[in-house]
C-alpha atoms as a PDB file:
ATOM      1  CA  MET A   1      14.645  -6.807  12.847  1.00  0.00           C
ATOM      2  CA  CYS A   2      17.736  -7.724  11.192  1.00  0.00           C
ATOM      3  CA  ASN A   3      17.878 -10.854   8.767  1.00  0.00           C
ATOM      4  CA  GLU A   4      20.752 -13.399   8.643  1.00  0.00           C
ATOM      5  CA  ALA A   5      22.908 -10.974   6.570  1.00  0.00           C
ATOM      6  CA  GLY A   6      22.829  -8.467   9.347  1.00  0.00           C
ATOM      7  CA  LYS A   7      20.953  -6.470   7.143  1.00  0.00           C
ATOM      8  CA  PHE A   8      18.500  -4.239   8.884  1.00  0.00           C
ATOM      9  CA  GLY A   9      14.821  -4.850   7.028  1.00  0.00           C
ATOM     10  CA  ILE A  10      16.148  -4.718   3.581  1.00  0.00           C
ATOM     11  CA  GLY A  11      13.317  -6.270   1.615  1.00  0.00           C
ATOM     12  CA  THR A  12      10.944  -7.381   4.402  1.00  0.00           C
ATOM     13  CA  ASN A  13       7.500  -5.963   5.369  1.00  0.00           C
ATOM     14  CA  ILE A  14       6.907  -4.118   8.482  1.00  0.00           C
ATOM     15  CA  THR A  15       3.830  -5.128  10.877  1.00  0.00           C
ATOM     16  CA  ARG A  16       1.602  -2.869  12.615  1.00  0.00           C
ATOM     17  CA  GLU A  17       2.934  -4.017  16.058  1.00  0.00           C
ATOM     18  CA  ASP A  18       6.476  -3.083  14.709  1.00  0.00           C
ATOM     19  CA  LEU A  19       5.363   0.285  13.469  1.00  0.00           C
ATOM     20  CA  SER A  20       3.831   1.019  17.028  1.00  0.00           C
ATOM     21  CA  VAL A  21       7.180   0.357  18.393  1.00  0.00           C
ATOM     22  CA  ILE A  22       8.969   2.413  16.234  1.00  0.00           C
ATOM     23  CA  LEU A  23       6.279   5.499  16.503  1.00  0.00           C
ATOM     24  CA  TYR A  24       6.177   5.280  20.442  1.00  0.00           C
ATOM     25  CA  ARG A  25       9.854   5.151  20.736  1.00  0.00           C
ATOM     26  CA  VAL A  26      10.097   8.423  18.620  1.00  0.00           C
ATOM     27  CA  ILE A  27       7.262  10.357  20.832  1.00  0.00           C
ATOM     28  CA  SER A  28       9.242   8.869  23.949  1.00  0.00           C
ATOM     29  CA  SER A  29      12.782  10.603  22.586  1.00  0.00           C
ATOM     30  CA  TYR A  30      10.927  13.946  22.843  1.00  0.00           C
ATOM     31  CA  GLY A  31      10.188  13.202  26.568  1.00  0.00           C
ATOM     32  CA  ILE A  32       6.531  12.579  25.918  1.00  0.00           C
ATOM     33  CA  SER A  33       4.488   9.989  27.143  1.00  0.00           C
ATOM     34  CA  SER A  34       0.993   8.773  27.608  1.00  0.00           C
ATOM     35  CA  LYS A  35      -0.949   6.412  29.717  1.00  0.00           C
ATOM     36  CA  PRO A  36      -2.015   3.293  28.124  1.00  0.00           C
ATOM     37  CA  SER A  37      -5.337   2.721  27.269  1.00  0.00           C
ATOM     38  CA  GLN A  38      -7.715   0.656  29.537  1.00  0.00           C
ATOM     39  CA  GLU A  39      -9.843  -0.643  26.666  1.00  0.00           C
ATOM     40  CA  GLU A  40      -8.164  -3.727  25.070  1.00  0.00           C
ATOM     41  CA  PHE A  41      -8.470  -4.969  21.599  1.00  0.00           C
ATOM     42  CA  ASP A  42     -10.343  -8.263  21.173  1.00  0.00           C
ATOM     43  CA  ASP A  43      -6.941  -9.977  19.577  1.00  0.00           C
ATOM     44  CA  ASP A  44      -4.941  -8.307  22.367  1.00  0.00           C
ATOM     45  CA  ASP A  45      -3.874 -12.097  22.693  1.00  0.00           C
ATOM     46  CA  GLU A  46      -2.191 -11.939  19.491  1.00  0.00           C
ATOM     47  CA  ILE A  47      -0.074  -8.742  20.003  1.00  0.00           C
ATOM     48  CA  SER A  48       3.599  -9.389  20.834  1.00  0.00           C
ATOM     49  CA  ASP A  49       4.413  -8.530  24.566  1.00  0.00           C
ATOM     50  CA  TYR A  50       7.511  -5.938  23.466  1.00  0.00           C
ATOM     51  CA  ALA A  51       4.600  -4.048  21.523  1.00  0.00           C
ATOM     52  CA  LYS A  52       1.654  -4.050  23.757  1.00  0.00           C
ATOM     53  CA  ASP A  53       2.624  -0.888  25.908  1.00  0.00           C
ATOM     54  CA  ALA A  54       3.256   1.194  22.576  1.00  0.00           C
ATOM     55  CA  ILE A  55       0.173  -0.089  20.805  1.00  0.00           C
ATOM     56  CA  TYR A  56      -2.237   0.924  24.090  1.00  0.00           C
ATOM     57  CA  ARG A  57      -0.154   4.227  24.885  1.00  0.00           C
ATOM     58  CA  LEU A  58      -0.855   5.375  20.936  1.00  0.00           C
ATOM     59  CA  LYS A  59      -4.122   4.111  21.190  1.00  0.00           C
ATOM     60  CA  GLU A  60      -4.468   6.587  24.543  1.00  0.00           C
ATOM     61  CA  MET A  61      -3.303   9.280  22.071  1.00  0.00           C
ATOM     62  CA  LYS A  62      -5.530   8.587  18.926  1.00  0.00           C
ATOM     63  CA  ILE A  63      -2.323   8.189  17.015  1.00  0.00           C
ATOM     64  CA  LEU A  64      -3.286   4.728  15.978  1.00  0.00           C
ATOM     65  CA  HIS A  65      -6.545   2.685  15.752  1.00  0.00           C
ATOM     66  CA  GLY A  66      -7.850  -0.593  15.391  1.00  0.00           C
ATOM     67  CA  VAL A  67      -8.782  -2.495  11.783  1.00  0.00           C
ATOM     68  CA  GLY A  68     -12.866  -2.727  12.461  1.00  0.00           C
ATOM     69  CA  ASP A  69     -14.553  -4.917  15.154  1.00  0.00           C
ATOM     70  CA  ASN A  70     -12.217  -3.715  17.914  1.00  0.00           C
ATOM     71  CA  ASN A  71      -9.290  -5.849  16.141  1.00  0.00           C
ATOM     72  CA  PHE A  72      -5.889  -4.615  15.856  1.00  0.00           C
ATOM     73  CA  ALA A  73      -4.347  -6.774  13.703  1.00  0.00           C
ATOM     74  CA  PRO A  74      -0.541  -6.794  15.190  1.00  0.00           C
ATOM     75  CA  LYS A  75       0.787  -9.103  12.551  1.00  0.00           C
ATOM     76  CA  ALA A  76      -0.857  -7.474   9.162  1.00  0.00           C
ATOM     77  CA  HIS A  77       1.612  -5.598   7.142  1.00  0.00           C
ATOM     78  CA  VAL A  78       1.414  -1.911   7.009  1.00  0.00           C
ATOM     79  CA  THR A  79       1.013  -0.541   3.354  1.00  0.00           C
ATOM     80  CA  ARG A  80       2.859   3.176   2.977  1.00  0.00           C
ATOM     81  CA  ALA A  81      -0.682   4.945   3.470  1.00  0.00           C
ATOM     82  CA  MET A  82      -1.104   3.201   6.546  1.00  0.00           C
ATOM     83  CA  ALA A  83       2.516   4.131   7.601  1.00  0.00           C
ATOM     84  CA  ALA A  84       2.205   7.668   6.487  1.00  0.00           C
ATOM     85  CA  LYS A  85      -1.362   8.162   8.097  1.00  0.00           C
ATOM     86  CA  ALA A  86       0.103   7.088  11.412  1.00  0.00           C
ATOM     87  CA  VAL A  87       3.208   9.222  11.186  1.00  0.00           C
ATOM     88  CA  PHE A  88       1.110  12.267  10.226  1.00  0.00           C
ATOM     89  CA  ALA A  89      -1.376  11.412  13.283  1.00  0.00           C
ATOM     90  CA  MET A  90       1.989  11.430  15.308  1.00  0.00           C
ATOM     91  CA  ILE A  91       3.160  14.522  14.188  1.00  0.00           C
ATOM     92  CA  LYS A  92       0.154  16.239  14.750  1.00  0.00           C
ATOM     93  CA  ALA A  93      -0.868  14.742  18.290  1.00  0.00           C
ATOM     94  CA  VAL A  94       2.374  15.809  19.792  1.00  0.00           C
ATOM     95  CA  GLU A  95       3.316  18.546  17.203  1.00  0.00           C
ATOM     96  CA  ILE A  96       7.292  17.549  16.635  1.00  0.00           C
END
């Protein structure tokens, strides 16, 4: 997202759902796709519509997982460790 000054995300945190969209777009750019998981997270109603497809496809690919109790916590901020783990899982899963 761009802030009011037109700067891309400077000084802002990234959410789990935004990270999901970014990772899936990277995967898709390599022509890799998957079917979406049929198992929904219990907090599915909190996931933004723009992110649902990416989240459930990454879940099916076993790149992203929930945070416990079958919740995804889409609005939670991602730590550097979480982002690194997700990127590593993406690379390992699709051998980019």
